[in-house]
C-alpha atoms as a PDB file:
ATOM      1  CA  UNK A   1      13.143  68.366  79.101  1.00  0.00           C
ATOM      2  CA  UNK A   2      10.677  68.384  76.226  1.00  0.00           C
ATOM      3  CA  UNK A   3      13.383  69.702  73.913  1.00  0.00           C
ATOM      4  CA  UNK A   4      15.771  66.918  74.978  1.00  0.00           C
ATOM      5  CA  UNK A   5      13.086  64.243  74.588  1.00  0.00           C
ATOM      6  CA  UNK A   6      12.120  65.493  71.124  1.00  0.00           C
ATOM      7  CA  UNK A   7      15.808  65.497  70.087  1.00  0.00           C
ATOM      8  CA  UNK A   8      16.250  61.941  71.392  1.00  0.00           C
ATOM      9  CA  UNK A   9      13.114  60.763  69.578  1.00  0.00           C
ATOM     10  CA  UNK A  10      14.303  62.418  66.349  1.00  0.00           C
ATOM     11  CA  UNK A  11      17.773  60.792  66.752  1.00  0.00           C
ATOM     12  CA  UNK A  12      19.414  64.191  66.468  1.00  0.00           C
ATOM     13  CA  UNK A  13      22.482  65.128  68.507  1.00  0.00           C
ATOM     14  CA  UNK A  14      21.858  66.927  71.765  1.00  0.00           C
ATOM     15  CA  UNK A  15      23.390  70.418  71.983  1.00  0.00           C
ATOM     16  CA  UNK A  16      26.023  70.565  74.777  1.00  0.00           C
ATOM     17  CA  UNK A  17      24.816  73.925  76.188  1.00  0.00           C
ATOM     18  CA  UNK A  18      21.372  72.429  76.685  1.00  0.00           C
ATOM     19  CA  UNK A  19      22.843  69.440  78.501  1.00  0.00           C
ATOM     20  CA  UNK A  20      24.962  71.705  80.720  1.00  0.00           C
ATOM     21  CA  UNK A  21      22.000  73.917  81.668  1.00  0.00           C
ATOM     22  CA  UNK A  22      19.781  70.889  82.291  1.00  0.00           C
ATOM     23  CA  UNK A  23      22.475  69.226  84.400  1.00  0.00           C
ATOM     24  CA  UNK A  24      22.989  72.396  86.443  1.00  0.00           C
ATOM     25  CA  UNK A  25      19.254  72.801  87.056  1.00  0.00           C
ATOM     26  CA  UNK A  26      18.954  69.127  88.039  1.00  0.00           C
ATOM     27  CA  UNK A  27      21.800  69.408  90.568  1.00  0.00           C
ATOM     28  CA  UNK A  28      20.511  72.707  91.983  1.00  0.00           C
ATOM     29  CA  UNK A  29      16.934  71.447  92.279  1.00  0.00           C
ATOM     30  CA  UNK A  30      18.137  68.243  93.939  1.00  0.00           C
ATOM     31  CA  UNK A  31      20.188  70.287  96.429  1.00  0.00           C
ATOM     32  CA  UNK A  32      17.243  72.585  97.184  1.00  0.00           C
ATOM     33  CA  UNK A  33      14.939  69.605  97.661  1.00  0.00           C
ATOM     34  CA  UNK A  34      17.463  68.019 100.025  1.00  0.00           C
ATOM     35  CA  UNK A  35      17.734  71.222 102.060  1.00  0.00           C
ATOM     36  CA  UNK A  36      13.953  71.552 102.272  1.00  0.00           C
ATOM     37  CA  UNK A  37      13.573  67.877 103.227  1.00  0.00           C
ATOM     38  CA  UNK A  38      16.345  67.711 105.826  1.00  0.00           C
ATOM     39  CA  UNK A  39      16.182  71.167 107.390  1.00  0.00           C
ATOM     40  CA  UNK A  40      12.524  71.924 106.776  1.00  0.00           C
ATOM     41  CA  UNK A  41      13.131  75.378 105.323  1.00  0.00           C
ATOM     42  CA  UNK A  42      12.784  76.421 101.701  1.00  0.00           C
ATOM     43  CA  UNK A  43      15.876  77.296  99.683  1.00  0.00           C
ATOM     44  CA  UNK A  44      15.618  79.819  96.864  1.00  0.00           C
ATOM     45  CA  UNK A  45      17.337  79.154  93.534  1.00  0.00           C
ATOM     46  CA  UNK A  46      20.666  80.917  93.084  1.00  0.00           C
ATOM     47  CA  UNK A  47      19.371  82.798  90.065  1.00  0.00           C
ATOM     48  CA  UNK A  48      16.520  84.248  92.156  1.00  0.00           C
ATOM     49  CA  UNK A  49      18.878  85.253  94.974  1.00  0.00           C
ATOM     50  CA  UNK A  50      21.309  86.961  92.577  1.00  0.00           C
ATOM     51  CA  UNK A  51      18.449  88.689  90.724  1.00  0.00           C
ATOM     52  CA  UNK A  52      16.933  90.008  93.956  1.00  0.00           C
ATOM     53  CA  UNK A  53      20.302  91.253  95.203  1.00  0.00           C
ATOM     54  CA  UNK A  54      20.836  93.114  91.929  1.00  0.00           C
ATOM     55  CA  UNK A  55      17.308  94.565  92.119  1.00  0.00           C
ATOM     56  CA  UNK A  56      17.674  95.593  95.771  1.00  0.00           C
ATOM     57  CA  UNK A  57      20.957  97.414  95.269  1.00  0.00           C
ATOM     58  CA  UNK A  58      20.102  99.109  91.948  1.00  0.00           C
ATOM     59  CA  UNK A  59      16.394  99.810  91.461  1.00  0.00           C
ATOM     60  CA  UNK A  60      14.467  99.185  94.667  1.00  0.00           C
ATOM     61  CA  UNK A  61      13.273 101.802  97.088  1.00  0.00           C
ATOM     62  CA  UNK A  62      15.070 100.547 100.202  1.00  0.00           C
ATOM     63  CA  UNK A  63      12.522 102.079 102.559  1.00  0.00           C
ATOM     64  CA  UNK A  64       9.756  99.850 101.212  1.00  0.00           C
ATOM     65  CA  UNK A  65      11.731  96.797 100.049  1.00  0.00           C
ATOM     66  CA  UNK A  66      12.666  93.889 102.255  1.00  0.00           C
ATOM     67  CA  UNK A  67      16.384  93.632 102.881  1.00  0.00           C
ATOM     68  CA  UNK A  68      17.843  90.332 101.654  1.00  0.00           C
ATOM     69  CA  UNK A  69      19.828  90.140 104.908  1.00  0.00           C
ATOM     70  CA  UNK A  70      16.979  90.897 107.338  1.00  0.00           C
ATOM     71  CA  UNK A  71      15.684  88.121 109.554  1.00  0.00           C
ATOM     72  CA  UNK A  72      12.260  86.833 108.705  1.00  0.00           C
ATOM     73  CA  UNK A  73       9.439  87.840 111.037  1.00  0.00           C
ATOM     74  CA  UNK A  74       8.902  85.252 113.742  1.00  0.00           C
ATOM     75  CA  UNK A  75      12.317  83.588 113.473  1.00  0.00           C
ATOM     76  CA  UNK A  76      13.619  85.295 116.605  1.00  0.00           C
ATOM     77  CA  UNK A  77      10.792  83.849 118.731  1.00  0.00           C
ATOM     78  CA  UNK A  78      11.896  80.754 120.634  1.00  0.00           C
ATOM     79  CA  UNK A  79       9.539  77.817 120.278  1.00  0.00           C
ATOM     80  CA  UNK A  80       9.719  75.392 123.174  1.00  0.00           C
ATOM     81  CA  UNK A  81       9.460  71.629 122.889  1.00  0.00           C
ATOM     82  CA  UNK A  82       5.993  70.116 123.007  1.00  0.00           C
ATOM     83  CA  UNK A  83       5.188  68.602 126.407  1.00  0.00           C
ATOM     84  CA  UNK A  84       5.171  64.798 126.403  1.00  0.00           C
ATOM     85  CA  UNK A  85       1.471  64.398 127.220  1.00  0.00           C
ATOM     86  CA  UNK A  86       0.530  66.886 124.494  1.00  0.00           C
ATOM     87  CA  UNK A  87       2.698  65.006 121.972  1.00  0.00           C
ATOM     88  CA  UNK A  88       0.888  61.774 122.835  1.00  0.00           C
ATOM     89  CA  UNK A  89      -2.516  63.447 122.467  1.00  0.00           C
ATOM     90  CA  UNK A  90      -1.474  64.947 119.130  1.00  0.00           C
ATOM     91  CA  UNK A  91      -0.203  61.557 117.927  1.00  0.00           C
ATOM     92  CA  UNK A  92      -3.592  60.010 118.670  1.00  0.00           C
ATOM     93  CA  UNK A  93      -5.441  62.912 117.075  1.00  0.00           C
ATOM     94  CA  UNK A  94      -3.439  62.565 113.843  1.00  0.00           C
ATOM     95  CA  UNK A  95      -3.910  58.786 113.678  1.00  0.00           C
ATOM     96  CA  UNK A  96      -7.426  58.448 115.093  1.00  0.00           C
ATOM     97  CA  UNK A  97      -8.980  57.787 111.700  1.00  0.00           C
ATOM     98  CA  UNK A  98      -6.622  54.852 111.202  1.00  0.00           C
ATOM     99  CA  UNK A  99      -7.073  53.500 114.733  1.00  0.00           C
ATOM    100  CA  UNK A 100     -10.675  52.731 113.754  1.00  0.00           C
ATOM    101  CA  UNK A 101      -9.299  50.113 111.354  1.00  0.00           C
ATOM    102  CA  UNK A 102      -7.465  48.159 114.073  1.00  0.00           C
ATOM    103  CA  UNK A 103      -8.919  45.038 115.674  1.00  0.00           C
ATOM    104  CA  UNK A 104     -11.332  45.550 118.595  1.00  0.00           C
ATOM    105  CA  UNK A 105      -8.666  44.306 121.039  1.00  0.00           C
ATOM    106  CA  UNK A 106      -6.139  46.853 119.730  1.00  0.00           C
ATOM    107  CA  UNK A 107      -8.777  49.583 119.855  1.00  0.00           C
ATOM    108  CA  UNK A 108      -9.474  48.642 123.497  1.00  0.00           C
ATOM    109  CA  UNK A 109      -5.745  48.979 124.270  1.00  0.00           C
ATOM    110  CA  UNK A 110      -5.636  52.425 122.664  1.00  0.00           C
ATOM    111  CA  UNK A 111      -8.811  53.393 124.562  1.00  0.00           C
ATOM    112  CA  UNK A 112      -7.298  52.284 127.880  1.00  0.00           C
ATOM    113  CA  UNK A 113      -4.063  54.125 127.207  1.00  0.00           C
ATOM    114  CA  UNK A 114      -5.330  57.363 125.608  1.00  0.00           C
ATOM    115  CA  UNK A 115      -9.080  57.551 126.231  1.00  0.00           C
ATOM    116  CA  UNK A 116      -9.933  56.753 122.599  1.00  0.00           C
ATOM    117  CA  UNK A 117     -13.647  56.451 121.754  1.00  0.00           C
ATOM    118  CA  UNK A 118     -14.397  54.355 118.670  1.00  0.00           C
ATOM    119  CA  UNK A 119     -17.761  56.088 118.149  1.00  0.00           C
ATOM    120  CA  UNK A 120     -16.062  59.407 117.391  1.00  0.00           C
ATOM    121  CA  UNK A 121     -14.924  58.702 113.815  1.00  0.00           C
ATOM    122  CA  UNK A 122     -15.431  55.010 113.035  1.00  0.00           C
ATOM    123  CA  UNK A 123     -18.726  55.342 111.176  1.00  0.00           C
ATOM    124  CA  UNK A 124     -17.511  58.339 109.192  1.00  0.00           C
ATOM    125  CA  UNK A 125     -14.321  56.512 108.145  1.00  0.00           C
ATOM    126  CA  UNK A 126     -16.309  53.412 107.154  1.00  0.00           C
ATOM    127  CA  UNK A 127     -18.673  55.558 105.053  1.00  0.00           C
ATOM    128  CA  UNK A 128     -15.750  57.321 103.359  1.00  0.00           C
ATOM    129  CA  UNK A 129     -14.020  54.020 102.532  1.00  0.00           C
ATOM    130  CA  UNK A 130     -17.317  52.652 101.202  1.00  0.00           C
ATOM    131  CA  UNK A 131     -17.898  55.784  99.113  1.00  0.00           C
ATOM    132  CA  UNK A 132     -14.418  55.870  97.557  1.00  0.00           C
ATOM    133  CA  UNK A 133     -14.332  52.134  96.893  1.00  0.00           C
ATOM    134  CA  UNK A 134     -17.699  52.455  95.113  1.00  0.00           C
ATOM    135  CA  UNK A 135     -16.242  55.262  92.995  1.00  0.00           C
ATOM    136  CA  UNK A 136     -13.252  53.039  92.205  1.00  0.00           C
ATOM    137  CA  UNK A 137     -15.516  50.181  91.123  1.00  0.00           C
ATOM    138  CA  UNK A 138     -17.594  52.530  88.975  1.00  0.00           C
ATOM    139  CA  UNK A 139     -14.555  53.985  87.217  1.00  0.00           C
ATOM    140  CA  UNK A 140     -12.996  50.565  86.681  1.00  0.00           C
ATOM    141  CA  UNK A 141     -16.260  49.206  85.292  1.00  0.00           C
ATOM    142  CA  UNK A 142     -16.635  52.219  83.019  1.00  0.00           C
ATOM    143  CA  UNK A 143     -13.072  51.964  81.748  1.00  0.00           C
ATOM    144  CA  UNK A 144     -13.545  48.283  80.904  1.00  0.00           C
ATOM    145  CA  UNK A 145     -16.947  48.888  79.305  1.00  0.00           C
ATOM    146  CA  UNK A 146     -18.921  46.830  81.776  1.00  0.00           C
ATOM    147  CA  UNK A 147     -16.482  43.920  82.092  1.00  0.00           C
ATOM    148  CA  UNK A 148     -15.534  44.394  85.710  1.00  0.00           C
ATOM    149  CA  UNK A 149     -13.842  41.430  87.380  1.00  0.00           C
ATOM    150  CA  UNK A 150     -12.849  42.235  90.964  1.00  0.00           C
ATOM    151  CA  UNK A 151     -10.684  39.437  92.365  1.00  0.00           C
ATOM    152  CA  UNK A 152      -9.203  41.602  95.075  1.00  0.00           C
ATOM    153  CA  UNK A 153     -10.502  42.022  98.598  1.00  0.00           C
ATOM    154  CA  UNK A 154     -13.731  43.955  98.352  1.00  0.00           C
ATOM    155  CA  UNK A 155     -13.731  46.772 100.919  1.00  0.00           C
ATOM    156  CA  UNK A 156     -17.353  47.644 100.125  1.00  0.00           C
ATOM    157  CA  UNK A 157     -18.795  44.509 101.709  1.00  0.00           C
ATOM    158  CA  UNK A 158     -16.530  44.840 104.696  1.00  0.00           C
ATOM    159  CA  UNK A 159     -17.487  48.485 105.293  1.00  0.00           C
ATOM    160  CA  UNK A 160     -21.216  47.690 105.110  1.00  0.00           C
ATOM    161  CA  UNK A 161     -20.599  44.947 107.700  1.00  0.00           C
ATOM    162  CA  UNK A 162     -18.532  47.344 109.849  1.00  0.00           C
ATOM    163  CA  UNK A 163     -21.261  49.999 109.733  1.00  0.00           C
ATOM    164  CA  UNK A 164     -23.745  47.461 111.089  1.00  0.00           C
ATOM    165  CA  UNK A 165     -21.366  46.340 113.863  1.00  0.00           C
ATOM    166  CA  UNK A 166     -20.210  49.857 114.806  1.00  0.00           C
ATOM    167  CA  UNK A 167     -23.634  50.688 116.223  1.00  0.00           C
ATOM    168  CA  UNK A 168     -22.943  48.455 119.217  1.00  0.00           C
ATOM    169  CA  UNK A 169     -19.194  47.793 119.431  1.00  0.00           C
ATOM    170  CA  UNK A 170     -15.845  48.479 117.717  1.00  0.00           C
ATOM    171  CA  UNK A 171     -15.046  46.569 114.541  1.00  0.00           C
ATOM    172  CA  UNK A 172     -11.681  46.068 112.879  1.00  0.00           C
ATOM    173  CA  UNK A 173     -10.872  46.088 109.205  1.00  0.00           C
ATOM    174  CA  UNK A 174      -8.694  44.182 106.777  1.00  0.00           C
ATOM    175  CA  UNK A 175      -7.297  47.563 105.771  1.00  0.00           C
ATOM    176  CA  UNK A 176      -5.520  47.870 109.152  1.00  0.00           C
ATOM    177  CA  UNK A 177      -2.543  46.044 107.667  1.00  0.00           C
ATOM    178  CA  UNK A 178      -2.040  49.048 105.368  1.00  0.00           C
ATOM    179  CA  UNK A 179      -1.542  51.395 108.313  1.00  0.00           C
ATOM    180  CA  UNK A 180       1.373  49.876 110.274  1.00  0.00           C
ATOM    181  CA  UNK A 181       2.531  53.227 111.728  1.00  0.00           C
ATOM    182  CA  UNK A 182      -0.543  53.235 113.996  1.00  0.00           C
ATOM    183  CA  UNK A 183       0.975  50.306 115.895  1.00  0.00           C
ATOM    184  CA  UNK A 184       3.182  52.646 117.925  1.00  0.00           C
ATOM    185  CA  UNK A 185       0.075  53.833 119.767  1.00  0.00           C
ATOM    186  CA  UNK A 186      -0.460  50.326 121.172  1.00  0.00           C
END
C-alpha cells in the first residue's frame, strides 16, 4: 500500500503486477474476514495453507508434526445450548455496568426482573466516567494550550452529583441514551 501511495503521489504509473497482487490480497483478506465474522472461526490465507502442506509432505517429521487434516482438539466435544435462565443472568452480567446509567425507574424494573442491585457497580462506574472525562478535559486543554471551551454536556458534574446520590438511592445518567442495547433487559 505504501508503494502504491508513493507512486500515486509521484504521479508515476502503477505497475500492473503490483495492482494484481494488491487486488488478490484485498479479495482474499475480505473473504477471510467475512468467514471469521459470519462463522466465527479463523480462516488461514491460501499461501499459508499451501506452504504448510508442502512442508508437511516434504520436510516435516510426521510423528511430531500436526496433520493438516486432523481435527482440532476439542472440536469433537458437543457443546449444549445455554439454559434460558443462565442466558438471562449472563445478559445482565455483561450489561450491568450500563444498567447503572438508566433512570431509577428503569433500574427498579431491572431489579424486580433480575435481582439487580444498583450498589454493586454504580459508584465504580461513576468514578471511572469521572476519571476518564477529567483526562479528556486535561488532554483537550493541553492540546489547545489552555484555551478549553467545553460547550458539550459535561459528564464530570453529573458524575459528582451521581456519586452523592448513589449513597442513598439509584441515580440515572444522561449517558444512558448512548447505551440503547441495555433496553432489552427492561
